[in-house]
Amino acid sequence: MGALWIANVHVTDEAAYKRYAALATEAIAEHGGVFLARGGRYRQLEGRDRARNVVARFPSLEAAEACYNSAKYQQALDHARGASERDLVIVEEV
């Protein structure tokens, strides 16, 4: 069963976040992730408004979690910390 990685992000340091995005893109692809949405147009209907919204599909919840815990993604996160406010959830598809 597939899983969706859903991130809502407010970027506070564009340069550092670009470094994060480059490394994170590689890590996500290495774990079978495919982007479905990435910072495109959106409408905020409830909750916090964060202008960057990302959805990636993974082959499984385990693959998405392995990506998050991988050395490459953790290296990417070093650039995102202090450069963004983020929420991230992995949701199994039905």
PDB file of N, CA and C in Angstrom:
ATOM      1  N   MET A   1       0.846  -1.176   0.000  1.00  0.00           N
ATOM      2  CA  MET A   1       0.000   0.000   0.000  1.00  0.00           C
ATOM      3  C   MET A   1       0.892   1.240   0.000  1.00  0.00           C
ATOM      4  N   GLY A   2       0.602   2.199  -0.859  1.00  0.00           N
ATOM      5  CA  GLY A   2       1.388   3.419  -0.957  1.00  0.00           C
ATOM      6  C   GLY A   2       1.169   4.350   0.221  1.00  0.00           C
ATOM      7  N   ALA A   3       1.996   5.376   0.278  1.00  0.00           N
ATOM      8  CA  ALA A   3       1.891   6.370   1.349  1.00  0.00           C
ATOM      9  C   ALA A   3       2.192   7.749   0.788  1.00  0.00           C
ATOM     10  N   LEU A   4       1.573   8.746   1.386  1.00  0.00           N
ATOM     11  CA  LEU A   4       1.795  10.141   0.998  1.00  0.00           C
ATOM     12  C   LEU A   4       2.576  10.859   2.086  1.00  0.00           C
ATOM     13  N   TRP A   5       3.590  11.566   1.678  1.00  0.00           N
ATOM     14  CA  TRP A   5       4.423  12.409   2.543  1.00  0.00           C
ATOM     15  C   TRP A   5       3.904  13.818   2.301  1.00  0.00           C
ATOM     16  N   ILE A   6       3.359  14.452   3.317  1.00  0.00           N
ATOM     17  CA  ILE A   6       2.732  15.763   3.161  1.00  0.00           C
ATOM     18  C   ILE A   6       3.444  16.759   4.062  1.00  0.00           C
ATOM     19  N   ALA A   7       4.007  17.791   3.458  1.00  0.00           N
ATOM     20  CA  ALA A   7       4.737  18.819   4.208  1.00  0.00           C
ATOM     21  C   ALA A   7       4.097  20.175   3.946  1.00  0.00           C
ATOM     22  N   ASN A   8       3.956  20.943   5.012  1.00  0.00           N
ATOM     23  CA  ASN A   8       3.493  22.328   4.932  1.00  0.00           C
ATOM     24  C   ASN A   8       4.610  23.176   5.520  1.00  0.00           C
ATOM     25  N   VAL A   9       5.108  24.133   4.747  1.00  0.00           N
ATOM     26  CA  VAL A   9       6.350  24.814   5.110  1.00  0.00           C
ATOM     27  C   VAL A   9       6.238  26.324   4.956  1.00  0.00           C
ATOM     28  N   HIS A  10       6.785  27.024   5.928  1.00  0.00           N
ATOM     29  CA  HIS A  10       7.017  28.472   5.836  1.00  0.00           C
ATOM     30  C   HIS A  10       8.531  28.652   5.813  1.00  0.00           C
ATOM     31  N   VAL A  11       9.055  29.122   4.689  1.00  0.00           N
ATOM     32  CA  VAL A  11      10.499  29.280   4.509  1.00  0.00           C
ATOM     33  C   VAL A  11      10.933  30.632   5.066  1.00  0.00           C
ATOM     34  N   THR A  12      11.979  30.615   5.902  1.00  0.00           N
ATOM     35  CA  THR A  12      12.503  31.848   6.485  1.00  0.00           C
ATOM     36  C   THR A  12      13.888  32.200   5.951  1.00  0.00           C
ATOM     37  N   ASP A  13      14.554  31.249   5.296  1.00  0.00           N
ATOM     38  CA  ASP A  13      15.877  31.479   4.705  1.00  0.00           C
ATOM     39  C   ASP A  13      15.907  30.741   3.368  1.00  0.00           C
ATOM     40  N   GLU A  14      15.656  31.474   2.288  1.00  0.00           N
ATOM     41  CA  GLU A  14      15.552  30.876   0.950  1.00  0.00           C
ATOM     42  C   GLU A  14      16.809  30.123   0.522  1.00  0.00           C
ATOM     43  N   ALA A  15      17.984  30.706   0.756  1.00  0.00           N
ATOM     44  CA  ALA A  15      19.235  30.078   0.309  1.00  0.00           C
ATOM     45  C   ALA A  15      19.455  28.741   1.005  1.00  0.00           C
ATOM     46  N   ALA A  16      19.289  28.711   2.307  1.00  0.00           N
ATOM     47  CA  ALA A  16      19.479  27.460   3.056  1.00  0.00           C
ATOM     48  C   ALA A  16      18.422  26.442   2.660  1.00  0.00           C
ATOM     49  N   TYR A  17      17.202  26.900   2.434  1.00  0.00           N
ATOM     50  CA  TYR A  17      16.135  25.965   2.087  1.00  0.00           C
ATOM     51  C   TYR A  17      16.357  25.361   0.701  1.00  0.00           C
ATOM     52  N   LYS A  18      16.953  26.101  -0.201  1.00  0.00           N
ATOM     53  CA  LYS A  18      17.287  25.550  -1.519  1.00  0.00           C
ATOM     54  C   LYS A  18      18.301  24.425  -1.397  1.00  0.00           C
ATOM     55  N   ARG A  19      19.260  24.566  -0.473  1.00  0.00           N
ATOM     56  CA  ARG A  19      20.232  23.484  -0.230  1.00  0.00           C
ATOM     57  C   ARG A  19      19.501  22.255   0.315  1.00  0.00           C
ATOM     58  N   TYR A  20      18.561  22.488   1.233  1.00  0.00           N
ATOM     59  CA  TYR A  20      17.748  21.385   1.747  1.00  0.00           C
ATOM     60  C   TYR A  20      17.011  20.693   0.597  1.00  0.00           C
ATOM     61  N   ALA A  21      16.324  21.468  -0.229  1.00  0.00           N
ATOM     62  CA  ALA A  21      15.485  20.910  -1.290  1.00  0.00           C
ATOM     63  C   ALA A  21      16.295  20.059  -2.265  1.00  0.00           C
ATOM     64  N   ALA A  22      17.499  20.489  -2.599  1.00  0.00           N
ATOM     65  CA  ALA A  22      18.333  19.727  -3.532  1.00  0.00           C
ATOM     66  C   ALA A  22      18.670  18.353  -2.957  1.00  0.00           C
ATOM     67  N   LEU A  23      19.112  18.311  -1.718  1.00  0.00           N
ATOM     68  CA  LEU A  23      19.456  17.035  -1.087  1.00  0.00           C
ATOM     69  C   LEU A  23      18.223  16.187  -0.816  1.00  0.00           C
ATOM     70  N   ALA A  24      17.151  16.818  -0.378  1.00  0.00           N
ATOM     71  CA  ALA A  24      15.921  16.077  -0.080  1.00  0.00           C
ATOM     72  C   ALA A  24      15.349  15.437  -1.333  1.00  0.00           C
ATOM     73  N   THR A  25      15.423  16.131  -2.461  1.00  0.00           N
ATOM     74  CA  THR A  25      14.933  15.585  -3.725  1.00  0.00           C
ATOM     75  C   THR A  25      15.656  14.286  -4.060  1.00  0.00           C
ATOM     76  N   GLU A  26      16.965  14.263  -3.877  1.00  0.00           N
ATOM     77  CA  GLU A  26      17.749  13.049  -4.136  1.00  0.00           C
ATOM     78  C   GLU A  26      17.330  11.929  -3.194  1.00  0.00           C
ATOM     79  N   ALA A  27      17.218  12.230  -1.914  1.00  0.00           N
ATOM     80  CA  ALA A  27      16.859  11.214  -0.926  1.00  0.00           C
ATOM     81  C   ALA A  27      15.474  10.637  -1.215  1.00  0.00           C
ATOM     82  N   ILE A  28      14.543  11.489  -1.541  1.00  0.00           N
ATOM     83  CA  ILE A  28      13.178  11.036  -1.822  1.00  0.00           C
ATOM     84  C   ILE A  28      13.169  10.120  -3.041  1.00  0.00           C
ATOM     85  N   ALA A  29      13.866  10.492  -4.100  1.00  0.00           N
ATOM     86  CA  ALA A  29      13.926   9.656  -5.305  1.00  0.00           C
ATOM     87  C   ALA A  29      14.589   8.309  -5.005  1.00  0.00           C
ATOM     88  N   GLU A  30      15.634   8.312  -4.189  1.00  0.00           N
ATOM     89  CA  GLU A  30      16.341   7.069  -3.848  1.00  0.00           C
ATOM     90  C   GLU A  30      15.457   6.089  -3.084  1.00  0.00           C
ATOM     91  N   HIS A  31      14.404   6.589  -2.458  1.00  0.00           N
ATOM     92  CA  HIS A  31      13.495   5.726  -1.701  1.00  0.00           C
ATOM     93  C   HIS A  31      12.172   5.492  -2.437  1.00  0.00           C
ATOM     94  N   GLY A  32      12.169   5.764  -3.735  1.00  0.00           N
ATOM     95  CA  GLY A  32      10.992   5.490  -4.554  1.00  0.00           C
ATOM     96  C   GLY A  32       9.929   6.566  -4.511  1.00  0.00           C
ATOM     97  N   GLY A  33      10.255   7.720  -3.934  1.00  0.00           N
ATOM     98  CA  GLY A  33       9.288   8.810  -3.839  1.00  0.00           C
ATOM     99  C   GLY A  33       9.142   9.575  -5.142  1.00  0.00           C
ATOM    100  N   VAL A  34       7.924  10.002  -5.421  1.00  0.00           N
ATOM    101  CA  VAL A  34       7.598  10.790  -6.609  1.00  0.00           C
ATOM    102  C   VAL A  34       6.773  11.990  -6.151  1.00  0.00           C
ATOM    103  N   PHE A  35       7.162  13.180  -6.579  1.00  0.00           N
ATOM    104  CA  PHE A  35       6.423  14.380  -6.189  1.00  0.00           C
ATOM    105  C   PHE A  35       5.102  14.482  -6.941  1.00  0.00           C
ATOM    106  N   LEU A  36       4.044  14.762  -6.190  1.00  0.00           N
ATOM    107  CA  LEU A  36       2.722  15.013  -6.767  1.00  0.00           C
ATOM    108  C   LEU A  36       2.395  16.499  -6.748  1.00  0.00           C
ATOM    109  N   ALA A  37       2.896  17.205  -5.751  1.00  0.00           N
ATOM    110  CA  ALA A  37       2.716  18.654  -5.626  1.00  0.00           C
ATOM    111  C   ALA A  37       3.963  19.204  -4.951  1.00  0.00           C
ATOM    112  N   ARG A  38       4.377  20.376  -5.403  1.00  0.00           N
ATOM    113  CA  ARG A  38       5.602  20.941  -4.869  1.00  0.00           C
ATOM    114  C   ARG A  38       5.597  22.457  -5.013  1.00  0.00           C
ATOM    115  N   GLY A  39       5.008  23.131  -4.018  1.00  0.00           N
ATOM    116  CA  GLY A  39       5.048  24.582  -4.002  1.00  0.00           C
ATOM    117  C   GLY A  39       4.186  25.274  -5.035  1.00  0.00           C
ATOM    118  N   GLY A  40       3.197  24.593  -5.585  1.00  0.00           N
ATOM    119  CA  GLY A  40       2.335  25.204  -6.588  1.00  0.00           C
ATOM    120  C   GLY A  40       1.221  26.043  -5.972  1.00  0.00           C
ATOM    121  N   ARG A  41       0.283  26.421  -6.820  1.00  0.00           N
ATOM    122  CA  ARG A  41      -0.867  27.211  -6.350  1.00  0.00           C
ATOM    123  C   ARG A  41      -1.661  26.405  -5.334  1.00  0.00           C
ATOM    124  N   TYR A  42      -2.263  27.113  -4.388  1.00  0.00           N
ATOM    125  CA  TYR A  42      -3.053  26.457  -3.350  1.00  0.00           C
ATOM    126  C   TYR A  42      -4.086  27.427  -2.801  1.00  0.00           C
ATOM    127  N   ARG A  43      -5.018  26.891  -2.051  1.00  0.00           N
ATOM    128  CA  ARG A  43      -6.000  27.683  -1.318  1.00  0.00           C
ATOM    129  C   ARG A  43      -5.996  27.177   0.114  1.00  0.00           C
ATOM    130  N   GLN A  44      -5.723  28.040   1.060  1.00  0.00           N
ATOM    131  CA  GLN A  44      -5.740  27.683   2.475  1.00  0.00           C
ATOM    132  C   GLN A  44      -7.171  27.795   2.978  1.00  0.00           C
ATOM    133  N   LEU A  45      -7.755  26.700   3.422  1.00  0.00           N
ATOM    134  CA  LEU A  45      -9.137  26.707   3.872  1.00  0.00           C
ATOM    135  C   LEU A  45      -9.262  26.625   5.389  1.00  0.00           C
ATOM    136  N   GLU A  46      -8.312  25.962   6.037  1.00  0.00           N
ATOM    137  CA  GLU A  46      -8.321  25.852   7.501  1.00  0.00           C
ATOM    138  C   GLU A  46      -6.882  25.766   7.991  1.00  0.00           C
ATOM    139  N   GLY A  47      -6.686  26.093   9.258  1.00  0.00           N
ATOM    140  CA  GLY A  47      -5.373  25.917   9.882  1.00  0.00           C
ATOM    141  C   GLY A  47      -4.371  26.974   9.468  1.00  0.00           C
ATOM    142  N   ARG A  48      -3.095  26.670   9.771  1.00  0.00           N
ATOM    143  CA  ARG A  48      -1.994  27.596   9.478  1.00  0.00           C
ATOM    144  C   ARG A  48      -1.761  27.725   7.986  1.00  0.00           C
ATOM    145  N   ASP A  49      -1.543  28.936   7.550  1.00  0.00           N
ATOM    146  CA  ASP A  49      -1.223  29.187   6.141  1.00  0.00           C
ATOM    147  C   ASP A  49       0.289  29.149   5.975  1.00  0.00           C
ATOM    148  N   ARG A  50       0.756  28.145   5.273  1.00  0.00           N
ATOM    149  CA  ARG A  50       2.175  28.038   4.941  1.00  0.00           C
ATOM    150  C   ARG A  50       2.265  27.913   3.426  1.00  0.00           C
ATOM    151  N   ALA A  51       3.005  28.812   2.824  1.00  0.00           N
ATOM    152  CA  ALA A  51       2.968  28.973   1.369  1.00  0.00           C
ATOM    153  C   ALA A  51       3.587  27.828   0.581  1.00  0.00           C
ATOM    154  N   ARG A  52       4.411  27.003   1.215  1.00  0.00           N
ATOM    155  CA  ARG A  52       5.027  25.898   0.481  1.00  0.00           C
ATOM    156  C   ARG A  52       4.391  24.595   0.946  1.00  0.00           C
ATOM    157  N   ASN A  53       3.744  23.915   0.022  1.00  0.00           N
ATOM    158  CA  ASN A  53       3.065  22.653   0.314  1.00  0.00           C
ATOM    159  C   ASN A  53       3.612  21.595  -0.628  1.00  0.00           C
ATOM    160  N   VAL A  54       4.028  20.473  -0.049  1.00  0.00           N
ATOM    161  CA  VAL A  54       4.670  19.416  -0.826  1.00  0.00           C
ATOM    162  C   VAL A  54       3.978  18.088  -0.531  1.00  0.00           C
ATOM    163  N   VAL A  55       3.671  17.344  -1.598  1.00  0.00           N
ATOM    164  CA  VAL A  55       3.123  16.005  -1.463  1.00  0.00           C
ATOM    165  C   VAL A  55       3.962  15.080  -2.335  1.00  0.00           C
ATOM    166  N   ALA A  56       4.459  14.004  -1.726  1.00  0.00           N
ATOM    167  CA  ALA A  56       5.199  12.980  -2.476  1.00  0.00           C
ATOM    168  C   ALA A  56       4.562  11.634  -2.183  1.00  0.00           C
ATOM    169  N   ARG A  57       4.519  10.780  -3.196  1.00  0.00           N
ATOM    170  CA  ARG A  57       3.987   9.421  -3.023  1.00  0.00           C
ATOM    171  C   ARG A  57       5.169   8.456  -2.936  1.00  0.00           C
ATOM    172  N   PHE A  58       5.093   7.558  -1.958  1.00  0.00           N
ATOM    173  CA  PHE A  58       6.094   6.510  -1.769  1.00  0.00           C
ATOM    174  C   PHE A  58       5.422   5.150  -1.946  1.00  0.00           C
ATOM    175  N   PRO A  59       6.206   4.124  -2.247  1.00  0.00           N
ATOM    176  CA  PRO A  59       5.629   2.786  -2.414  1.00  0.00           C
ATOM    177  C   PRO A  59       4.974   2.244  -1.139  1.00  0.00           C
ATOM    178  N   SER A  60       5.425   2.713   0.025  1.00  0.00           N
ATOM    179  CA  SER A  60       4.875   2.229   1.294  1.00  0.00           C
ATOM    180  C   SER A  60       5.175   3.232   2.401  1.00  0.00           C
ATOM    181  N   LEU A  61       4.463   3.093   3.504  1.00  0.00           N
ATOM    182  CA  LEU A  61       4.729   3.905   4.687  1.00  0.00           C
ATOM    183  C   LEU A  61       6.163   3.677   5.157  1.00  0.00           C
ATOM    184  N   GLU A  62       6.594   2.425   5.094  1.00  0.00           N
ATOM    185  CA  GLU A  62       7.946   2.078   5.536  1.00  0.00           C
ATOM    186  C   GLU A  62       9.011   2.738   4.664  1.00  0.00           C
ATOM    187  N   ALA A  63       8.780   2.802   3.356  1.00  0.00           N
ATOM    188  CA  ALA A  63       9.737   3.451   2.455  1.00  0.00           C
ATOM    189  C   ALA A  63       9.832   4.946   2.755  1.00  0.00           C
ATOM    190  N   ALA A  64       8.697   5.582   3.018  1.00  0.00           N
ATOM    191  CA  ALA A  64       8.691   7.010   3.339  1.00  0.00           C
ATOM    192  C   ALA A  64       9.414   7.263   4.656  1.00  0.00           C
ATOM    193  N   GLU A  65       9.170   6.417   5.643  1.00  0.00           N
ATOM    194  CA  GLU A  65       9.839   6.578   6.931  1.00  0.00           C
ATOM    195  C   GLU A  65      11.336   6.294   6.822  1.00  0.00           C
ATOM    196  N   ALA A  66      11.709   5.303   6.010  1.00  0.00           N
ATOM    197  CA  ALA A  66      13.130   5.014   5.783  1.00  0.00           C
ATOM    198  C   ALA A  66      13.814   6.194   5.121  1.00  0.00           C
ATOM    199  N   CYS A  67      13.122   6.852   4.203  1.00  0.00           N
ATOM    200  CA  CYS A  67      13.666   8.052   3.571  1.00  0.00           C
ATOM    201  C   CYS A  67      13.947   9.107   4.628  1.00  0.00           C
ATOM    202  N   TYR A  68      12.949   9.380   5.465  1.00  0.00           N
ATOM    203  CA  TYR A  68      13.112  10.412   6.495  1.00  0.00           C
ATOM    204  C   TYR A  68      14.305  10.111   7.398  1.00  0.00           C
ATOM    205  N   ASN A  69      14.487   8.856   7.744  1.00  0.00           N
ATOM    206  CA  ASN A  69      15.556   8.460   8.660  1.00  0.00           C
ATOM    207  C   ASN A  69      16.902   8.240   7.979  1.00  0.00           C
ATOM    208  N   SER A  70      16.944   8.330   6.652  1.00  0.00           N
ATOM    209  CA  SER A  70      18.196   8.072   5.925  1.00  0.00           C
ATOM    210  C   SER A  70      19.232   9.162   6.201  1.00  0.00           C
ATOM    211  N   ALA A  71      20.493   8.784   6.045  1.00  0.00           N
ATOM    212  CA  ALA A  71      21.593   9.731   6.261  1.00  0.00           C
ATOM    213  C   ALA A  71      21.482  10.932   5.325  1.00  0.00           C
ATOM    214  N   LYS A  72      21.118  10.688   4.067  1.00  0.00           N
ATOM    215  CA  LYS A  72      21.028  11.792   3.102  1.00  0.00           C
ATOM    216  C   LYS A  72      19.916  12.772   3.482  1.00  0.00           C
ATOM    217  N   TYR A  73      18.752  12.254   3.889  1.00  0.00           N
ATOM    218  CA  TYR A  73      17.667  13.166   4.254  1.00  0.00           C
ATOM    219  C   TYR A  73      18.004  13.916   5.540  1.00  0.00           C
ATOM    220  N   GLN A  74      18.621  13.248   6.466  1.00  0.00           N
ATOM    221  CA  GLN A  74      19.013  13.925   7.699  1.00  0.00           C
ATOM    222  C   GLN A  74      20.036  15.023   7.415  1.00  0.00           C
ATOM    223  N   GLN A  75      20.917  14.785   6.451  1.00  0.00           N
ATOM    224  CA  GLN A  75      21.866  15.826   6.020  1.00  0.00           C
ATOM    225  C   GLN A  75      21.092  16.998   5.421  1.00  0.00           C
ATOM    226  N   ALA A  76      20.071  16.694   4.624  1.00  0.00           N
ATOM    227  CA  ALA A  76      19.241  17.749   4.046  1.00  0.00           C
ATOM    228  C   ALA A  76      18.558  18.553   5.152  1.00  0.00           C
ATOM    229  N   LEU A  77      18.041  17.860   6.157  1.00  0.00           N
ATOM    230  CA  LEU A  77      17.349  18.538   7.251  1.00  0.00           C
ATOM    231  C   LEU A  77      18.241  19.520   7.994  1.00  0.00           C
ATOM    232  N   ASP A  78      19.542  19.265   8.005  1.00  0.00           N
ATOM    233  CA  ASP A  78      20.471  20.208   8.646  1.00  0.00           C
ATOM    234  C   ASP A  78      20.329  21.601   8.030  1.00  0.00           C
ATOM    235  N   HIS A  79      19.996  21.661   6.737  1.00  0.00           N
ATOM    236  CA  HIS A  79      19.821  22.950   6.054  1.00  0.00           C
ATOM    237  C   HIS A  79      18.433  23.546   6.309  1.00  0.00           C
ATOM    238  N   ALA A  80      17.434  22.694   6.546  1.00  0.00           N
ATOM    239  CA  ALA A  80      16.070  23.177   6.756  1.00  0.00           C
ATOM    240  C   ALA A  80      15.866  23.718   8.171  1.00  0.00           C
ATOM    241  N   ARG A  81      16.588  23.133   9.128  1.00  0.00           N
ATOM    242  CA  ARG A  81      16.450  23.592  10.517  1.00  0.00           C
ATOM    243  C   ARG A  81      16.939  25.032  10.613  1.00  0.00           C
ATOM    244  N   GLY A  82      16.146  25.884  11.178  1.00  0.00           N
ATOM    245  CA  GLY A  82      16.516  27.293  11.268  1.00  0.00           C
ATOM    246  C   GLY A  82      16.218  28.077  10.005  1.00  0.00           C
ATOM    247  N   ALA A  83      15.842  27.370   8.929  1.00  0.00           N
ATOM    248  CA  ALA A  83      15.535  28.036   7.666  1.00  0.00           C
ATOM    249  C   ALA A  83      14.056  27.910   7.311  1.00  0.00           C
ATOM    250  N   SER A  84      13.301  27.245   8.208  1.00  0.00           N
ATOM    251  CA  SER A  84      11.889  27.016   7.908  1.00  0.00           C
ATOM    252  C   SER A  84      11.134  26.593   9.156  1.00  0.00           C
ATOM    253  N   GLU A  85       9.819  26.778   9.077  1.00  0.00           N
ATOM    254  CA  GLU A  85       8.891  26.214  10.051  1.00  0.00           C
ATOM    255  C   GLU A  85       8.094  25.187   9.271  1.00  0.00           C
ATOM    256  N   ARG A  86       8.063  23.935   9.769  1.00  0.00           N
ATOM    257  CA  ARG A  86       7.509  22.846   8.968  1.00  0.00           C
ATOM    258  C   ARG A  86       6.609  21.932   9.776  1.00  0.00           C
ATOM    259  N   ASP A  87       5.643  21.369   9.100  1.00  0.00           N
ATOM    260  CA  ASP A  87       4.883  20.232   9.589  1.00  0.00           C
ATOM    261  C   ASP A  87       5.054  19.152   8.534  1.00  0.00           C
ATOM    262  N   LEU A  88       5.252  17.915   8.974  1.00  0.00           N
ATOM    263  CA  LEU A  88       5.422  16.802   8.043  1.00  0.00           C
ATOM    264  C   LEU A  88       4.674  15.602   8.594  1.00  0.00           C
ATOM    265  N   VAL A  89       3.888  14.968   7.742  1.00  0.00           N
ATOM    266  CA  VAL A  89       3.162  13.772   8.126  1.00  0.00           C
ATOM    267  C   VAL A  89       3.251  12.769   6.988  1.00  0.00           C
ATOM    268  N   ILE A  90       3.288  11.490   7.323  1.00  0.00           N
ATOM    269  CA  ILE A  90       3.221  10.423   6.343  1.00  0.00           C
ATOM    270  C   ILE A  90       1.883   9.718   6.557  1.00  0.00           C
ATOM    271  N   VAL A  91       1.092   9.561   5.488  1.00  0.00           N
ATOM    272  CA  VAL A  91      -0.228   8.983   5.591  1.00  0.00           C
ATOM    273  C   VAL A  91      -0.316   7.813   4.609  1.00  0.00           C
ATOM    274  N   GLU A  92      -0.728   6.656   5.119  1.00  0.00           N
ATOM    275  CA  GLU A  92      -0.891   5.500   4.253  1.00  0.00           C
ATOM    276  C   GLU A  92      -2.134   5.673   3.388  1.00  0.00           C
ATOM    277  N   GLU A  93      -2.015   5.335   2.108  1.00  0.00           N
ATOM    278  CA  GLU A  93      -3.149   5.426   1.196  1.00  0.00           C
ATOM    279  C   GLU A  93      -4.124   4.268   1.444  1.00  0.00           C
ATOM    280  N   VAL A  94      -5.354   4.468   1.016  1.00  0.00           N
ATOM    281  CA  VAL A  94      -6.364   3.399   1.152  1.00  0.00           C
ATOM    282  C   VAL A  94      -6.713   2.840  -0.207  1.00  0.00           C
TER     283      VAL A  94
END
